[in-house]
Amino acid sequence: MRISIFCALVALATSAAAQTQEPKPVPKNSVRVSVPGCARNYIFTVGPRTADEAGSSLELQEGMHLRMNGPKKLINEIKAHQGSMIEITGTMKKGQYKADGVPLGGGIRVGPAGGPGGGSPLMPPSLANQNMIDVEGWRPITGNCS
């Protein structure tokens, strides 16, 4: 009797663990990406992609800034690694990652400024055109942030 109860508990625990390891489904209007770079507070700066790293279906340019959204505990873990290269994994809406302007090099772009009254009335002008990523996880990678 005790053996069958023990086996039932082990099977239940194993099935619960298997369910928690499955990644969340990606919404139809989004794409899952893994991006190397550096974090500072809630802003993630895209770093260089090395040849051995797997590419994603989305190519983000080096130097692009992403606003990180996610659970506070996860964001605090990322903040604890400021100054170190990390790779974040998360989802981004398709089409939001377009960079306006002309690249000058070193992650610097010159682009058009927003006109008077531009932007969303619900968001401050600094966040209205910000690229956002819903962070699901992260991992440390080799390198340092400058």
C-alpha atoms as a PDB file:
ATOM      1  CA  MET A   1       0.000   0.000   0.000  1.00  0.00           C
ATOM      2  CA  ARG A   2       2.755   2.434   0.938  1.00  0.00           C
ATOM      3  CA  ILE A   3       4.656   1.625  -2.237  1.00  0.00           C
ATOM      4  CA  SER A   4       1.674   2.433  -4.454  1.00  0.00           C
ATOM      5  CA  ILE A   5       1.098   5.752  -2.643  1.00  0.00           C
ATOM      6  CA  PHE A   6       4.786   6.596  -2.993  1.00  0.00           C
ATOM      7  CA  CYS A   7       4.721   5.742  -6.726  1.00  0.00           C
ATOM      8  CA  ALA A   8       1.617   7.901  -7.214  1.00  0.00           C
ATOM      9  CA  LEU A   9       3.291  10.860  -5.473  1.00  0.00           C
ATOM     10  CA  VAL A  10       6.451  10.462  -7.575  1.00  0.00           C
ATOM     11  CA  ALA A  11       4.404  10.333 -10.774  1.00  0.00           C
ATOM     12  CA  LEU A  12       2.453  13.431  -9.741  1.00  0.00           C
ATOM     13  CA  ALA A  13       5.638  15.364  -8.904  1.00  0.00           C
ATOM     14  CA  THR A  14       7.275  14.303 -12.183  1.00  0.00           C
ATOM     15  CA  SER A  15       4.296  15.400 -14.281  1.00  0.00           C
ATOM     16  CA  ALA A  16       4.119  18.759 -12.449  1.00  0.00           C
ATOM     17  CA  ALA A  17       7.842  19.363 -13.069  1.00  0.00           C
ATOM     18  CA  ALA A  18       7.458  18.507 -16.758  1.00  0.00           C
ATOM     19  CA  GLN A  19       4.597  20.983 -17.110  1.00  0.00           C
ATOM     20  CA  THR A  20       6.573  23.865 -15.571  1.00  0.00           C
ATOM     21  CA  GLN A  21       9.520  23.346 -17.944  1.00  0.00           C
ATOM     22  CA  GLU A  22       7.514  23.885 -21.127  1.00  0.00           C
ATOM     23  CA  PRO A  23       8.007  27.386 -22.567  1.00  0.00           C
ATOM     24  CA  LYS A  24       5.040  29.694 -22.726  1.00  0.00           C
ATOM     25  CA  PRO A  25       3.358  29.775 -26.132  1.00  0.00           C
ATOM     26  CA  VAL A  26       4.299  32.782 -28.250  1.00  0.00           C
ATOM     27  CA  PRO A  27       1.374  35.037 -29.269  1.00  0.00           C
ATOM     28  CA  LYS A  28       0.643  35.218 -33.008  1.00  0.00           C
ATOM     29  CA  ASN A  29       1.808  38.833 -33.300  1.00  0.00           C
ATOM     30  CA  SER A  30       5.095  38.209 -31.436  1.00  0.00           C
ATOM     31  CA  VAL A  31       8.388  36.382 -31.811  1.00  0.00           C
ATOM     32  CA  ARG A  32      10.689  34.789 -29.190  1.00  0.00           C
ATOM     33  CA  VAL A  33      14.259  36.125 -29.291  1.00  0.00           C
ATOM     34  CA  SER A  34      17.543  35.603 -27.453  1.00  0.00           C
ATOM     35  CA  VAL A  35      19.641  38.756 -27.363  1.00  0.00           C
ATOM     36  CA  PRO A  36      23.192  39.253 -26.032  1.00  0.00           C
ATOM     37  CA  GLY A  37      24.083  42.562 -24.429  1.00  0.00           C
ATOM     38  CA  CYS A  38      24.194  44.624 -21.252  1.00  0.00           C
ATOM     39  CA  ALA A  39      21.485  45.709 -18.839  1.00  0.00           C
ATOM     40  CA  ARG A  40      21.246  48.886 -16.841  1.00  0.00           C
ATOM     41  CA  ASN A  41      18.151  49.246 -14.689  1.00  0.00           C
ATOM     42  CA  TYR A  42      15.218  48.488 -17.034  1.00  0.00           C
ATOM     43  CA  ILE A  43      17.118  49.237 -20.266  1.00  0.00           C
ATOM     44  CA  PHE A  44      18.934  46.493 -22.191  1.00  0.00           C
ATOM     45  CA  THR A  45      21.522  47.485 -24.799  1.00  0.00           C
ATOM     46  CA  VAL A  46      21.970  44.955 -27.596  1.00  0.00           C
ATOM     47  CA  GLY A  47      25.567  43.764 -27.890  1.00  0.00           C
ATOM     48  CA  PRO A  48      27.502  42.133 -30.704  1.00  0.00           C
ATOM     49  CA  ARG A  49      26.390  38.673 -31.811  1.00  0.00           C
ATOM     50  CA  THR A  50      29.242  36.226 -32.196  1.00  0.00           C
ATOM     51  CA  ALA A  51      29.487  33.652 -34.980  1.00  0.00           C
ATOM     52  CA  ASP A  52      28.901  30.687 -32.651  1.00  0.00           C
ATOM     53  CA  GLU A  53      25.648  32.084 -31.230  1.00  0.00           C
ATOM     54  CA  ALA A  54      22.463  30.892 -32.787  1.00  0.00           C
ATOM     55  CA  GLY A  55      20.621  33.593 -34.677  1.00  0.00           C
ATOM     56  CA  SER A  56      17.001  34.381 -34.097  1.00  0.00           C
ATOM     57  CA  SER A  57      14.278  35.106 -36.598  1.00  0.00           C
ATOM     58  CA  LEU A  58      14.837  38.747 -35.773  1.00  0.00           C
ATOM     59  CA  GLU A  59      18.061  40.672 -36.249  1.00  0.00           C
ATOM     60  CA  LEU A  60      18.458  43.452 -33.706  1.00  0.00           C
ATOM     61  CA  GLN A  61      21.236  45.930 -34.381  1.00  0.00           C
ATOM     62  CA  GLU A  62      24.111  46.370 -31.967  1.00  0.00           C
ATOM     63  CA  GLY A  63      23.522  49.385 -29.730  1.00  0.00           C
ATOM     64  CA  MET A  64      19.727  49.229 -29.938  1.00  0.00           C
ATOM     65  CA  HIS A  65      17.987  49.850 -26.601  1.00  0.00           C
ATOM     66  CA  LEU A  66      15.165  47.624 -25.378  1.00  0.00           C
ATOM     67  CA  ARG A  67      12.895  48.328 -22.416  1.00  0.00           C
ATOM     68  CA  MET A  68      12.639  45.161 -20.298  1.00  0.00           C
ATOM     69  CA  ASN A  69       9.264  44.073 -18.916  1.00  0.00           C
ATOM     70  CA  GLY A  70       8.956  41.099 -16.603  1.00  0.00           C
ATOM     71  CA  PRO A  71       8.467  39.883 -13.069  1.00  0.00           C
ATOM     72  CA  LYS A  72      10.183  42.118 -10.518  1.00  0.00           C
ATOM     73  CA  LYS A  73      12.218  39.199  -9.139  1.00  0.00           C
ATOM     74  CA  LEU A  74      13.605  38.408 -12.626  1.00  0.00           C
ATOM     75  CA  ILE A  75      14.418  42.061 -13.374  1.00  0.00           C
ATOM     76  CA  ASN A  76      16.212  42.360 -10.001  1.00  0.00           C
ATOM     77  CA  GLU A  77      18.312  39.271 -10.847  1.00  0.00           C
ATOM     78  CA  ILE A  78      19.301  40.920 -14.137  1.00  0.00           C
ATOM     79  CA  LYS A  79      20.061  44.235 -12.377  1.00  0.00           C
ATOM     80  CA  ALA A  80      22.444  42.374 -10.050  1.00  0.00           C
ATOM     81  CA  HIS A  81      24.577  41.532 -13.109  1.00  0.00           C
ATOM     82  CA  GLN A  82      24.988  45.084 -14.438  1.00  0.00           C
ATOM     83  CA  GLY A  83      28.430  45.476 -15.970  1.00  0.00           C
ATOM     84  CA  SER A  84      28.522  41.872 -17.219  1.00  0.00           C
ATOM     85  CA  MET A  85      27.419  40.540 -20.584  1.00  0.00           C
ATOM     86  CA  ILE A  86      24.215  38.535 -20.399  1.00  0.00           C
ATOM     87  CA  GLU A  87      21.780  37.041 -22.870  1.00  0.00           C
ATOM     88  CA  ILE A  88      18.087  37.622 -22.295  1.00  0.00           C
ATOM     89  CA  THR A  89      15.324  35.537 -23.801  1.00  0.00           C
ATOM     90  CA  GLY A  90      11.851  36.909 -24.265  1.00  0.00           C
ATOM     91  CA  THR A  91       9.123  37.894 -26.671  1.00  0.00           C
ATOM     92  CA  MET A  92       8.832  41.019 -28.811  1.00  0.00           C
ATOM     93  CA  LYS A  93       5.969  42.188 -30.979  1.00  0.00           C
ATOM     94  CA  LYS A  94       6.623  41.782 -34.689  1.00  0.00           C
ATOM     95  CA  GLY A  95       7.383  45.005 -36.499  1.00  0.00           C
ATOM     96  CA  GLN A  96       8.289  47.132 -33.456  1.00  0.00           C
ATOM     97  CA  TYR A  97      12.056  46.710 -33.820  1.00  0.00           C
ATOM     98  CA  LYS A  98      12.518  48.991 -36.801  1.00  0.00           C
ATOM     99  CA  ALA A  99      15.339  51.459 -36.270  1.00  0.00           C
ATOM    100  CA  ASP A 100      14.857  54.883 -37.805  1.00  0.00           C
ATOM    101  CA  GLY A 101      17.745  56.963 -39.015  1.00  0.00           C
ATOM    102  CA  VAL A 102      21.220  56.329 -40.359  1.00  0.00           C
ATOM    103  CA  PRO A 103      23.821  54.209 -38.521  1.00  0.00           C
ATOM    104  CA  LEU A 104      27.078  56.057 -37.810  1.00  0.00           C
ATOM    105  CA  GLY A 105      28.868  53.090 -36.189  1.00  0.00           C
ATOM    106  CA  GLY A 106      29.490  51.976 -32.648  1.00  0.00           C
ATOM    107  CA  GLY A 107      25.771  51.632 -32.001  1.00  0.00           C
ATOM    108  CA  ILE A 108      25.105  55.328 -32.757  1.00  0.00           C
ATOM    109  CA  ARG A 109      22.250  56.333 -35.072  1.00  0.00           C
ATOM    110  CA  VAL A 110      21.084  59.742 -36.256  1.00  0.00           C
ATOM    111  CA  GLY A 111      17.394  59.921 -36.980  1.00  0.00           C
ATOM    112  CA  PRO A 112      14.418  62.233 -37.200  1.00  0.00           C
ATOM    113  CA  ALA A 113      13.162  63.917 -34.040  1.00  0.00           C
ATOM    114  CA  GLY A 114       9.559  63.768 -32.979  1.00  0.00           C
ATOM    115  CA  GLY A 115       7.589  66.881 -33.851  1.00  0.00           C
ATOM    116  CA  PRO A 116       5.610  68.958 -31.361  1.00  0.00           C
ATOM    117  CA  GLY A 117       2.671  67.047 -30.010  1.00  0.00           C
ATOM    118  CA  GLY A 118       4.126  63.748 -31.293  1.00  0.00           C
ATOM    119  CA  GLY A 119       3.949  60.509 -29.382  1.00  0.00           C
ATOM    120  CA  SER A 120       1.220  58.887 -27.387  1.00  0.00           C
ATOM    121  CA  PRO A 121      -0.791  60.880 -24.859  1.00  0.00           C
ATOM    122  CA  LEU A 122      -0.733  57.859 -22.537  1.00  0.00           C
ATOM    123  CA  MET A 123       3.061  57.436 -22.500  1.00  0.00           C
ATOM    124  CA  PRO A 124       5.835  59.921 -21.889  1.00  0.00           C
ATOM    125  CA  PRO A 125       7.639  60.878 -25.136  1.00  0.00           C
ATOM    126  CA  SER A 126      10.754  58.951 -24.031  1.00  0.00           C
ATOM    127  CA  LEU A 127       8.763  55.672 -23.915  1.00  0.00           C
ATOM    128  CA  ALA A 128       6.428  56.219 -26.860  1.00  0.00           C
ATOM    129  CA  ASN A 129       8.882  54.865 -29.458  1.00  0.00           C
ATOM    130  CA  GLN A 130      10.781  52.512 -27.139  1.00  0.00           C
ATOM    131  CA  ASN A 131      11.302  48.926 -28.294  1.00  0.00           C
ATOM    132  CA  MET A 132      10.059  46.540 -25.598  1.00  0.00           C
ATOM    133  CA  ILE A 133      10.834  42.944 -24.689  1.00  0.00           C
ATOM    134  CA  ASP A 134       8.899  40.745 -22.266  1.00  0.00           C
ATOM    135  CA  VAL A 135      11.759  38.948 -20.516  1.00  0.00           C
ATOM    136  CA  GLU A 136      11.285  35.248 -19.770  1.00  0.00           C
ATOM    137  CA  GLY A 137      14.830  34.372 -18.701  1.00  0.00           C
ATOM    138  CA  TRP A 138      18.509  35.238 -18.869  1.00  0.00           C
ATOM    139  CA  ARG A 139      21.952  33.664 -18.666  1.00  0.00           C
ATOM    140  CA  PRO A 140      25.477  35.039 -18.221  1.00  0.00           C
ATOM    141  CA  ILE A 141      27.807  35.029 -21.236  1.00  0.00           C
ATOM    142  CA  THR A 142      31.471  35.902 -21.604  1.00  0.00           C
ATOM    143  CA  GLY A 143      32.506  39.520 -21.911  1.00  0.00           C
ATOM    144  CA  ASN A 144      32.204  42.822 -20.117  1.00  0.00           C
ATOM    145  CA  CYS A 145      30.091  45.882 -20.740  1.00  0.00           C
ATOM    146  CA  SER A 146      31.798  49.181 -21.452  1.00  0.00           C
END
